[in-house]
Amino acid sequence: MAGIGFKLQKLFQEDYFSSRMKAYAFAGLVTSGPWLTVIITIGLIQWITSSLTFIEQEERELFNLSVSYCFIFSQVILGVQQLIVTRYVADLFYEKRTNEVFATFIGMSKVTIAIAVALFGVFLFFSPLSLLYEFVLLMLFITINLIWVLFLFLSAAKYYQAVAYSFLIGAFVSVGLVFLFAQLVDVWGIPSSLLLLIGFTIGMVVTLFGLFLSMLLTFPYRGIQFQFSYFHYFDRFPSLFWTGFLYNAGIWVCNWVIWFGEGRSFVADTFVYNRVYDTAIFWSYLTIVPTLILFVVSVETRFYERYRVFYGYINEGGTLNQIKRSKGSMQLVLKQELERLIRSQGVFSLFMVVTAGYWLSLLSLDAIIVSIFRITTVGTFSNAMVLVLTLILLYFEDRRGAMYTSILFFTFNLGLSIWWLPLGLDGYGLGFTVGSSLAFLFAVVRLIRFIEHVDYHAFCRPHDWVSTPTERFTKVGRWLNTRAH
């Protein structure tokens, strides 16, 4: 996100209310634009299909769950390579080896498709869906996976506007085609769930092509050598793999457990879900948008300047007094910004918890969903803080601390969800909320202890396990490079 710092700082320096609103809107577009676009698109499509009474309930549920499964498991697949590739691409930019970025994109895309196809193969083993439906579903699954890959690279290249426009155009096409195809159900005689899925998939393909075009324009040198050279970062920084994978899996592990508890349902003998819990957690995640916006603004406008000065003195030979002063300034700003972030998000989450009955009644949701929403909103607050603190730990190269946080986040969420599963509806959301809160507390303590001795860590302590890294993944990467070449 470092690329948006200059624009945000410029907007805040103008000291006009309109400029500040532009800054927050821009930060929101960068951090949450694609995510919100997807959620709003799915919400609009669900609203459209629910209003079309001639489409059977099971057909609507089959379509909605198909889309939901694609997004959930694509996020987990992304977590396998997300931080590894992000770090590798950042190093390529730092070393001015941008001619290798496109090849890395090709390599990551191939690995992502391979994992997606393998996972889909397991899904096919248990699925009695029609061959045509499974084919369209596979196309959607691969398309969404590649969208996240392109999003990662274009964000690293700071091409945010192209990302936003691609998602908006794809969303418009998806909603339009779903509405159009829904009118043709009786004309074509094709199952409505399949028609809706085709319409949504075409919209996602439009987004994919928009992002890919932006990728081609961003990286004019498109060599394909050394596509899998980033594999050696799995050996060099294994903590990044565990951090990314366990955090993304930890977000959904509670859903996977509760899918086998009270109130679970099956659709088309394929998709298992829990309508009550899944609906509550869906709306809860919308409440943490302020954190995503405020975090980017605070980091890019105040914290990063102090961070750069502190490490500038360390790397370029500043005096002891300069290092001490810059350390104190950085610690103060970080403390102020984290307090502001927790206070702002806390007030907003509390407001949503208190007024949940009013807002969710407008959507005609059950009272039990409102009750679980109040619990999971506290959990999403802690989840958002876990994400923020993990990113700050990675800022300071405390990869071990970030990994421990993700391990605890995943383990607590899994263990507590299983433990409280026998409580049924009365216990839904407790595992997620308590697990996320415990991981949040650990991350706070870890960050405070690390920041107190940040100068010691910068001078004396090895940043990570760099002593005797294995070459297991490095060898695989070399072998794949020779095969690809």
Protein backbone atom coordinates (compact mmCIF):
# COMPACT_ATOMS: atom_id res chain seq x y z
CA MET A 1 0.00 0.00 0.00
CA ALA A 2 3.02 2.25 0.11
CA GLY A 3 2.19 3.66 -3.30
CA ILE A 4 -0.85 5.60 -2.17
CA GLY A 5 1.01 7.43 0.56
CA PHE A 6 2.02 10.39 -1.57
CA LYS A 7 -1.52 11.04 -2.80
CA LEU A 8 -3.04 10.72 0.67
CA GLN A 9 -0.45 13.05 2.19
CA LYS A 10 -1.13 15.63 -0.52
CA LEU A 11 -4.87 15.52 0.10
CA PHE A 12 -4.46 15.88 3.87
CA GLN A 13 -2.00 18.78 3.47
CA GLU A 14 -4.70 20.81 1.68
CA ASP A 15 -6.57 20.91 5.00
CA TYR A 16 -10.03 21.19 3.43
CA PHE A 17 -12.94 19.07 4.53
CA SER A 18 -13.57 18.06 0.93
CA SER A 19 -9.91 17.01 0.53
CA ARG A 20 -10.09 14.87 3.64
CA MET A 21 -13.25 13.21 2.39
CA LYS A 22 -11.50 12.54 -0.92
CA ALA A 23 -8.59 10.99 0.96
CA TYR A 24 -10.84 8.65 2.92
CA ALA A 25 -12.83 7.79 -0.21
CA PHE A 26 -9.61 7.04 -2.09
CA ALA A 27 -8.30 4.86 0.73
CA GLY A 28 -11.63 3.05 0.82
CA LEU A 29 -11.51 2.48 -2.91
CA VAL A 30 -8.02 1.02 -2.66
CA THR A 31 -8.53 -1.18 0.38
CA SER A 32 -12.14 -2.22 0.18
CA GLY A 33 -13.30 -1.30 -3.32
CA PRO A 34 -12.92 -4.74 -4.95
CA TRP A 35 -14.10 -6.54 -1.82
CA LEU A 36 -17.16 -4.28 -1.41
CA THR A 37 -17.92 -4.47 -5.12
CA VAL A 38 -18.03 -8.26 -4.97
CA ILE A 39 -20.17 -8.29 -1.81
CA ILE A 40 -22.58 -5.67 -3.16
CA THR A 41 -22.79 -7.58 -6.44
CA ILE A 42 -23.65 -10.83 -4.67
CA GLY A 43 -26.12 -9.00 -2.44
CA LEU A 44 -27.82 -7.37 -5.45
CA ILE A 45 -28.02 -10.69 -7.27
CA GLN A 46 -29.50 -12.37 -4.21
CA TRP A 47 -32.05 -9.57 -3.92
CA ILE A 48 -32.94 -9.82 -7.63
CA THR A 49 -33.31 -13.60 -7.57
CA SER A 50 -35.32 -13.54 -4.32
CA SER A 51 -37.81 -11.15 -5.91
CA LEU A 52 -38.31 -13.48 -8.89
CA THR A 53 -40.86 -15.85 -7.41
CA PHE A 54 -40.94 -18.08 -10.48
CA ILE A 55 -37.39 -19.25 -9.62
CA GLU A 56 -37.56 -22.08 -7.12
CA GLN A 57 -35.98 -21.63 -3.69
CA GLU A 58 -33.60 -24.57 -4.15
CA GLU A 59 -32.39 -23.21 -7.48
CA ARG A 60 -31.60 -19.85 -5.86
CA GLU A 61 -29.80 -21.53 -2.99
CA LEU A 62 -27.80 -23.70 -5.38
CA PHE A 63 -26.62 -20.62 -7.27
CA ASN A 64 -25.84 -18.62 -4.12
CA LEU A 65 -23.88 -21.46 -2.53
CA SER A 66 -21.96 -22.13 -5.75
CA VAL A 67 -20.75 -18.53 -5.76
CA SER A 68 -20.05 -18.53 -2.01
CA TYR A 69 -17.99 -21.72 -2.14
CA CYS A 70 -15.91 -20.32 -5.01
CA PHE A 71 -15.06 -17.18 -3.04
CA ILE A 72 -14.36 -18.96 0.25
CA PHE A 73 -11.99 -21.60 -1.10
CA SER A 74 -10.30 -19.23 -3.57
CA GLN A 75 -9.35 -17.06 -0.59
CA VAL A 76 -7.80 -20.06 1.16
CA ILE A 77 -5.87 -20.99 -2.01
CA LEU A 78 -4.62 -17.40 -2.32
CA GLY A 79 -3.30 -17.61 1.24
CA VAL A 80 -0.89 -20.39 0.24
CA GLN A 81 1.22 -18.02 -1.90
CA GLN A 82 -0.02 -14.53 -1.04
CA LEU A 83 2.65 -13.29 1.37
CA ILE A 84 5.47 -15.27 -0.25
CA VAL A 85 4.84 -13.75 -3.68
CA THR A 86 4.09 -10.31 -2.24
CA ARG A 87 7.50 -10.31 -0.54
CA TYR A 88 9.24 -11.67 -3.63
CA VAL A 89 7.68 -9.07 -5.94
CA ALA A 90 8.50 -6.29 -3.46
CA ASP A 91 12.13 -7.41 -3.51
CA LEU A 92 12.08 -7.47 -7.32
CA PHE A 93 10.90 -3.84 -7.33
CA TYR A 94 13.51 -2.88 -4.71
CA GLU A 95 16.30 -4.51 -6.72
CA LYS A 96 14.94 -2.95 -9.94
CA ARG A 97 14.36 -6.38 -11.50
CA THR A 98 10.88 -5.51 -12.73
CA ASN A 99 11.48 -7.47 -15.93
CA GLU A 100 10.97 -10.64 -13.84
CA VAL A 101 7.59 -9.63 -12.41
CA PHE A 102 5.48 -10.84 -15.33
CA ALA A 103 7.18 -14.25 -15.33
CA THR A 104 6.41 -14.54 -11.60
CA PHE A 105 2.78 -13.72 -12.36
CA ILE A 106 2.69 -16.56 -14.92
CA GLY A 107 4.27 -18.96 -12.43
CA MET A 108 1.90 -18.03 -9.58
CA SER A 109 -1.09 -18.32 -11.93
CA LYS A 110 -0.05 -21.83 -13.00
CA VAL A 111 0.40 -22.99 -9.41
CA THR A 112 -2.91 -21.41 -8.41
CA ILE A 113 -4.77 -23.12 -11.27
CA ALA A 114 -3.14 -26.47 -10.39
CA ILE A 115 -4.24 -26.21 -6.74
CA ALA A 116 -7.74 -25.07 -7.78
CA VAL A 117 -8.19 -27.96 -10.22
CA ALA A 118 -6.93 -30.49 -7.65
CA LEU A 119 -9.32 -29.14 -5.02
CA PHE A 120 -12.15 -29.14 -7.52
CA GLY A 121 -11.35 -32.76 -8.35
CA VAL A 122 -12.06 -33.67 -4.72
CA PHE A 123 -15.30 -31.71 -4.94
CA LEU A 124 -16.34 -33.61 -8.11
CA PHE A 125 -15.84 -36.92 -6.32
CA PHE A 126 -18.74 -36.09 -3.96
CA SER A 127 -20.89 -34.04 -6.34
CA PRO A 128 -23.87 -35.40 -8.30
CA LEU A 129 -24.33 -32.13 -10.22
CA SER A 130 -24.70 -32.18 -14.00
CA LEU A 131 -21.54 -32.15 -16.09
CA LEU A 132 -22.39 -28.79 -17.65
CA TYR A 133 -23.03 -27.20 -14.25
CA GLU A 134 -19.73 -28.56 -12.92
CA PHE A 135 -17.89 -27.20 -15.96
CA VAL A 136 -19.30 -23.67 -15.52
CA LEU A 137 -18.58 -23.88 -11.79
CA LEU A 138 -14.97 -24.84 -12.50
CA MET A 139 -14.64 -21.89 -14.90
CA LEU A 140 -15.96 -19.54 -12.22
CA PHE A 141 -13.64 -21.03 -9.59
CA ILE A 142 -10.55 -20.63 -11.77
CA THR A 143 -11.62 -17.14 -12.85
CA ILE A 144 -11.99 -15.92 -9.25
CA ASN A 145 -8.65 -17.47 -8.30
CA LEU A 146 -6.91 -15.65 -11.15
CA ILE A 147 -8.67 -12.40 -10.25
CA TRP A 148 -7.06 -12.52 -6.78
CA VAL A 149 -3.66 -13.24 -8.37
CA LEU A 150 -3.97 -10.25 -10.72
CA PHE A 151 -5.23 -8.09 -7.85
CA LEU A 152 -2.07 -8.93 -5.89
CA PHE A 153 0.28 -7.95 -8.72
CA LEU A 154 -1.58 -4.79 -9.75
CA SER A 155 -1.72 -3.64 -6.12
CA ALA A 156 2.04 -4.14 -5.88
CA ALA A 157 2.41 -2.02 -9.01
CA LYS A 158 0.08 0.65 -7.53
CA TYR A 159 -2.37 0.46 -10.44
CA TYR A 160 -5.39 0.87 -8.19
CA GLN A 161 -7.75 2.73 -10.50
CA ALA A 162 -7.58 0.01 -13.15
CA VAL A 163 -8.41 -2.54 -10.46
CA ALA A 164 -11.43 -0.56 -9.28
CA TYR A 165 -12.79 0.03 -12.81
CA SER A 166 -12.35 -3.65 -13.73
CA PHE A 167 -14.34 -4.77 -10.70
CA LEU A 168 -17.06 -2.18 -11.30
CA ILE A 169 -17.53 -3.10 -14.98
CA GLY A 170 -17.51 -6.83 -14.19
CA ALA A 171 -20.07 -6.29 -11.42
CA PHE A 172 -22.32 -4.32 -13.75
CA VAL A 173 -22.17 -7.09 -16.37
CA SER A 174 -22.81 -9.80 -13.75
CA VAL A 175 -25.88 -8.11 -12.31
CA GLY A 176 -27.22 -7.21 -15.76
CA LEU A 177 -26.79 -10.71 -17.18
CA VAL A 178 -28.24 -12.42 -14.12
CA PHE A 179 -31.32 -10.19 -14.39
CA LEU A 180 -31.58 -10.81 -18.16
CA PHE A 181 -31.03 -14.56 -17.99
CA ALA A 182 -33.56 -14.88 -15.17
CA GLN A 183 -36.24 -13.62 -17.60
CA LEU A 184 -35.32 -16.34 -20.10
CA VAL A 185 -35.63 -19.36 -17.83
CA ASP A 186 -38.89 -20.50 -19.34
CA VAL A 187 -37.79 -19.64 -22.89
CA TRP A 188 -34.60 -21.68 -22.98
CA GLY A 189 -35.69 -24.52 -20.72
CA ILE A 190 -32.32 -24.51 -18.93
CA PRO A 191 -32.23 -24.86 -15.12
CA SER A 192 -32.38 -21.38 -13.62
CA SER A 193 -29.40 -22.02 -11.32
CA LEU A 194 -27.23 -22.82 -14.34
CA LEU A 195 -28.39 -19.72 -16.22
CA LEU A 196 -27.70 -17.49 -13.23
CA LEU A 197 -24.28 -19.08 -12.78
CA ILE A 198 -23.41 -18.51 -16.46
CA GLY A 199 -24.43 -14.85 -16.20
CA PHE A 200 -22.38 -14.28 -13.05
CA THR A 201 -19.38 -16.12 -14.50
CA ILE A 202 -19.39 -13.95 -17.65
CA GLY A 203 -19.26 -10.84 -15.45
CA MET A 204 -16.29 -12.24 -13.51
CA VAL A 205 -14.55 -13.09 -16.79
CA VAL A 206 -15.00 -9.46 -17.85
CA THR A 207 -13.33 -8.40 -14.59
CA LEU A 208 -10.54 -10.90 -15.25
CA PHE A 209 -9.87 -9.55 -18.73
CA GLY A 210 -9.93 -5.97 -17.47
CA LEU A 211 -7.32 -6.80 -14.85
CA PHE A 212 -5.25 -8.78 -17.34
CA LEU A 213 -5.26 -5.88 -19.80
CA SER A 214 -4.07 -3.61 -16.99
CA MET A 215 -1.35 -6.15 -16.22
CA LEU A 216 -0.14 -6.08 -19.83
CA LEU A 217 -0.07 -2.27 -19.83
CA THR A 218 1.71 -2.12 -16.47
CA PHE A 219 4.48 -4.55 -17.35
CA PRO A 220 5.55 -3.98 -20.97
CA TYR A 221 8.45 -6.44 -20.62
CA ARG A 222 6.79 -9.83 -20.54
CA GLY A 223 9.54 -12.40 -20.31
CA ILE A 224 8.59 -15.91 -19.26
CA GLN A 225 11.91 -17.13 -17.88
CA PHE A 226 12.32 -18.04 -14.22
CA GLN A 227 8.57 -18.28 -13.61
CA PHE A 228 9.03 -20.35 -10.45
CA SER A 229 12.13 -18.69 -9.00
CA TYR A 230 9.96 -17.35 -6.19
CA PHE A 231 9.76 -20.91 -4.82
CA HIS A 232 13.03 -20.39 -2.96
CA TYR A 233 11.20 -17.86 -0.76
CA PHE A 234 9.23 -20.81 0.67
CA ASP A 235 12.58 -22.09 1.97
CA ARG A 236 13.85 -18.67 2.94
CA PHE A 237 10.68 -17.32 4.60
CA PRO A 238 8.55 -20.31 5.66
CA SER A 239 6.89 -18.14 8.29
CA LEU A 240 5.26 -16.06 5.54
CA PHE A 241 3.63 -19.16 4.12
CA TRP A 242 2.23 -20.21 7.50
CA THR A 243 1.10 -16.67 8.29
CA GLY A 244 -0.83 -16.23 5.04
CA PHE A 245 -2.29 -19.72 4.88
CA LEU A 246 -3.39 -20.05 8.51
CA TYR A 247 -4.84 -16.54 8.67
CA ASN A 248 -7.01 -17.08 5.58
CA ALA A 249 -8.02 -20.58 6.71
CA GLY A 250 -8.70 -19.27 10.21
CA ILE A 251 -11.30 -16.85 8.87
CA TRP A 252 -13.45 -19.71 7.55
CA VAL A 253 -12.60 -22.62 9.84
CA CYS A 254 -15.49 -21.75 12.20
CA ASN A 255 -17.94 -21.93 9.30
CA TRP A 256 -16.58 -25.35 8.30
CA VAL A 257 -17.11 -26.66 11.83
CA ILE A 258 -20.59 -25.18 12.22
CA TRP A 259 -21.66 -26.58 8.85
CA PHE A 260 -21.80 -29.91 10.69
CA GLY A 261 -23.78 -28.63 13.68
CA GLU A 262 -27.41 -27.88 14.46
CA GLY A 263 -29.31 -26.24 11.62
CA ARG A 264 -27.08 -27.40 8.78
CA SER A 265 -28.64 -27.91 5.37
CA PHE A 266 -27.76 -29.65 2.12
CA VAL A 267 -28.47 -28.30 -1.33
CA ALA A 268 -28.43 -30.56 -4.38
CA ASP A 269 -26.74 -33.25 -2.27
CA THR A 270 -23.54 -31.27 -2.74
CA PHE A 271 -23.31 -28.05 -0.75
CA VAL A 272 -23.50 -28.07 3.03
CA TYR A 273 -24.14 -24.79 4.86
CA ASN A 274 -25.72 -23.24 7.91
CA ARG A 275 -28.08 -20.47 6.86
CA VAL A 276 -28.31 -18.86 10.29
CA TYR A 277 -24.59 -18.64 11.07
CA ASP A 278 -23.44 -17.94 7.50
CA THR A 279 -25.88 -15.03 7.18
CA ALA A 280 -24.83 -13.54 10.52
CA ILE A 281 -21.11 -13.73 9.78
CA PHE A 282 -21.64 -12.28 6.29
CA TRP A 283 -23.21 -9.10 7.66
CA SER A 284 -20.70 -8.91 10.51
CA TYR A 285 -17.75 -8.70 8.12
CA LEU A 286 -19.29 -5.63 6.51
CA THR A 287 -18.88 -3.77 9.82
CA ILE A 288 -15.05 -3.73 9.67
CA VAL A 289 -14.75 -1.60 6.54
CA PRO A 290 -13.83 1.49 8.67
CA THR A 291 -10.78 -0.36 10.03
CA LEU A 292 -9.50 -1.14 6.56
CA ILE A 293 -9.82 2.51 5.50
CA LEU A 294 -8.47 4.11 8.69
CA PHE A 295 -5.51 1.72 8.84
CA VAL A 296 -4.29 2.67 5.37
CA VAL A 297 -4.76 6.38 6.06
CA SER A 298 -2.95 6.28 9.42
CA VAL A 299 -0.07 4.15 8.17
CA GLU A 300 0.50 6.12 4.99
CA THR A 301 0.07 9.62 6.39
CA ARG A 302 1.79 9.49 9.79
CA PHE A 303 3.35 6.19 10.75
CA TYR A 304 5.32 5.41 7.59
CA GLU A 305 7.17 8.77 7.70
CA ARG A 306 8.47 8.05 11.25
CA TYR A 307 9.20 4.44 10.34
CA ARG A 308 11.28 5.54 7.33
CA VAL A 309 13.23 8.10 9.37
CA PHE A 310 14.03 5.58 12.13
CA TYR A 311 15.31 2.88 9.78
CA GLY A 312 17.02 5.56 7.67
CA TYR A 313 19.17 6.54 10.66
CA ILE A 314 19.94 2.88 11.37
CA ASN A 315 20.86 1.98 7.80
CA GLU A 316 22.75 5.19 7.01
CA GLY A 317 24.66 5.63 10.27
CA GLY A 318 22.70 8.15 12.34
CA THR A 319 23.94 9.23 15.76
CA LEU A 320 22.68 7.57 18.94
CA ASN A 321 20.59 10.62 19.82
CA GLN A 322 19.02 10.70 16.36
CA ILE A 323 18.11 7.03 16.59
CA LYS A 324 16.65 7.45 20.08
CA ARG A 325 14.58 10.50 19.09
CA SER A 326 13.27 8.86 15.92
CA LYS A 327 12.47 5.68 17.86
CA GLY A 328 10.46 7.64 20.43
CA SER A 329 8.62 9.56 17.73
CA MET A 330 7.77 6.36 15.85
CA GLN A 331 6.57 4.61 19.01
CA LEU A 332 4.37 7.58 19.96
CA VAL A 333 2.74 7.84 16.54
CA LEU A 334 2.15 4.09 16.35
CA LYS A 335 0.56 4.11 19.81
CA GLN A 336 -1.68 7.07 18.92
CA GLU A 337 -2.77 5.59 15.60
CA LEU A 338 -3.54 2.15 17.05
CA GLU A 339 -5.54 3.71 19.89
CA ARG A 340 -7.48 5.81 17.39
CA LEU A 341 -8.09 2.79 15.19
CA ILE A 342 -9.32 0.59 18.05
CA ARG A 343 -11.47 3.41 19.46
CA SER A 344 -13.07 4.28 16.10
CA GLN A 345 -13.77 0.70 15.08
CA GLY A 346 -14.87 -0.16 18.62
CA VAL A 347 -17.45 2.65 18.68
CA PHE A 348 -18.75 1.68 15.24
CA SER A 349 -18.96 -2.03 16.13
CA LEU A 350 -20.72 -1.20 19.41
CA PHE A 351 -23.19 0.98 17.50
CA MET A 352 -23.93 -1.89 15.10
CA VAL A 353 -24.35 -4.34 17.99
CA VAL A 354 -26.80 -2.05 19.80
CA THR A 355 -28.83 -1.17 16.68
CA ALA A 356 -28.65 -4.61 15.04
CA GLY A 357 -32.30 -5.31 15.76
CA TYR A 358 -33.39 -2.29 13.73
CA TRP A 359 -31.04 -2.68 10.75
CA LEU A 360 -31.43 -6.41 10.31
CA SER A 361 -35.19 -6.25 10.72
CA LEU A 362 -35.24 -4.19 7.51
CA LEU A 363 -33.81 -7.28 5.81
CA SER A 364 -36.47 -9.51 7.40
CA LEU A 365 -33.85 -11.62 9.16
CA ASP A 366 -34.74 -13.98 12.02
CA ALA A 367 -34.23 -12.98 15.64
CA ILE A 368 -31.68 -15.77 16.10
CA ILE A 369 -29.59 -14.33 13.24
CA VAL A 370 -29.65 -10.93 14.94
CA SER A 371 -28.51 -12.55 18.18
CA ILE A 372 -25.59 -14.36 16.52
CA PHE A 373 -24.74 -11.20 14.54
CA ARG A 374 -24.19 -9.32 17.82
CA ILE A 375 -21.67 -11.97 18.92
CA THR A 376 -19.86 -12.30 15.60
CA THR A 377 -19.57 -8.51 15.21
CA VAL A 378 -17.34 -8.54 18.29
CA GLY A 379 -15.41 -11.37 16.63
CA THR A 380 -14.95 -9.49 13.35
CA PHE A 381 -13.70 -6.48 15.34
CA SER A 382 -11.00 -8.70 16.89
CA ASN A 383 -10.34 -10.32 13.53
CA ALA A 384 -9.76 -6.89 11.95
CA MET A 385 -7.32 -6.01 14.74
CA VAL A 386 -5.50 -9.31 14.24
CA LEU A 387 -5.05 -8.43 10.58
CA VAL A 388 -3.81 -4.90 11.37
CA LEU A 389 -1.34 -6.06 14.04
CA THR A 390 -0.07 -8.89 11.83
CA LEU A 391 0.68 -6.40 9.04
CA ILE A 392 2.48 -4.09 11.48
CA LEU A 393 4.56 -7.00 12.80
CA LEU A 394 5.51 -7.75 9.19
CA TYR A 395 6.41 -4.07 8.74
CA PHE A 396 8.99 -4.56 11.50
CA GLU A 397 10.20 -7.89 10.02
CA ASP A 398 8.86 -9.76 13.04
CA ARG A 399 7.76 -12.64 10.86
CA ARG A 400 7.91 -15.07 13.73
CA GLY A 401 5.45 -12.94 15.74
CA ALA A 402 3.11 -12.69 12.74
CA MET A 403 3.25 -16.46 12.26
CA TYR A 404 2.53 -17.17 15.94
CA THR A 405 -0.48 -14.83 15.71
CA SER A 406 -1.87 -16.70 12.70
CA ILE A 407 -1.25 -20.09 14.33
CA LEU A 408 -3.14 -19.01 17.45
CA PHE A 409 -5.88 -17.39 15.36
CA PHE A 410 -6.47 -20.63 13.44
CA THR A 411 -6.02 -22.98 16.40
CA PHE A 412 -8.26 -21.06 18.81
CA ASN A 413 -11.00 -20.63 16.21
CA LEU A 414 -10.90 -24.32 15.29
CA GLY A 415 -10.59 -25.71 18.81
CA LEU A 416 -13.18 -23.47 20.47
CA SER A 417 -15.67 -23.95 17.62
CA ILE A 418 -15.43 -27.72 18.02
CA TRP A 419 -15.64 -27.43 21.81
CA TRP A 420 -18.82 -25.31 21.75
CA LEU A 421 -20.44 -27.03 18.78
CA PRO A 422 -22.66 -29.24 21.05
CA LEU A 423 -24.31 -26.04 22.36
CA GLY A 424 -25.95 -25.64 18.97
CA LEU A 425 -27.45 -22.27 18.07
CA ASP A 426 -26.79 -20.96 21.58
CA GLY A 427 -23.05 -21.38 21.07
CA TYR A 428 -22.67 -20.25 17.46
CA GLY A 429 -20.20 -17.40 17.11
CA LEU A 430 -18.60 -17.91 20.52
CA GLY A 431 -15.67 -19.91 19.16
CA PHE A 432 -14.94 -17.30 16.50
CA THR A 433 -15.30 -14.35 18.87
CA VAL A 434 -13.30 -15.75 21.77
CA GLY A 435 -10.66 -17.28 19.48
CA SER A 436 -10.17 -14.04 17.53
CA SER A 437 -10.05 -12.02 20.75
CA LEU A 438 -7.35 -14.26 22.26
CA ALA A 439 -5.27 -13.97 19.10
CA PHE A 440 -5.80 -10.20 19.22
CA LEU A 441 -4.53 -10.03 22.81
CA PHE A 442 -1.47 -12.10 21.93
CA ALA A 443 -0.67 -9.85 18.96
CA VAL A 444 -0.96 -6.73 21.13
CA VAL A 445 1.43 -8.10 23.75
CA ARG A 446 3.84 -9.30 21.07
CA LEU A 447 3.86 -5.93 19.31
CA ILE A 448 4.34 -3.96 22.55
CA ARG A 449 7.30 -6.13 23.60
CA PHE A 450 8.83 -5.96 20.14
CA ILE A 451 8.45 -2.19 19.82
CA GLU A 452 10.07 -1.58 23.21
CA HIS A 453 13.29 -3.13 21.90
CA VAL A 454 12.92 -2.32 18.22
CA ASP A 455 16.43 -0.82 18.04
CA TYR A 456 17.91 -4.00 19.54
CA HIS A 457 16.04 -6.11 16.99
CA ALA A 458 17.23 -3.85 14.17
CA PHE A 459 20.90 -4.07 15.17
CA CYS A 460 21.45 -7.37 16.90
CA ARG A 461 18.80 -9.94 16.23
CA PRO A 462 18.48 -12.02 13.06
CA HIS A 463 15.11 -11.23 11.54
CA ASP A 464 14.04 -14.80 10.95
CA TRP A 465 15.24 -18.33 10.49
CA VAL A 466 18.05 -17.65 8.04
CA SER A 467 20.64 -20.00 9.49
CA THR A 468 20.22 -23.23 7.55
CA PRO A 469 17.24 -22.98 5.21
CA THR A 470 16.37 -26.11 3.28
CA GLU A 471 16.37 -26.15 -0.50
CA ARG A 472 13.34 -28.39 -0.95
CA PHE A 473 11.16 -25.78 -2.67
CA THR A 474 14.15 -24.16 -4.35
CA LYS A 475 14.91 -27.40 -6.16
CA VAL A 476 11.28 -27.78 -7.18
CA GLY A 477 11.32 -24.22 -8.52
CA ARG A 478 14.48 -24.87 -10.53
CA TRP A 479 13.00 -28.05 -11.98
CA LEU A 480 9.78 -26.27 -12.93
CA ASN A 481 11.79 -23.42 -14.49
CA THR A 482 13.60 -25.88 -16.76
CA ARG A 483 10.32 -27.55 -17.73
CA ALA A 484 8.62 -24.20 -18.41
CA HIS A 485 11.56 -22.97 -20.47
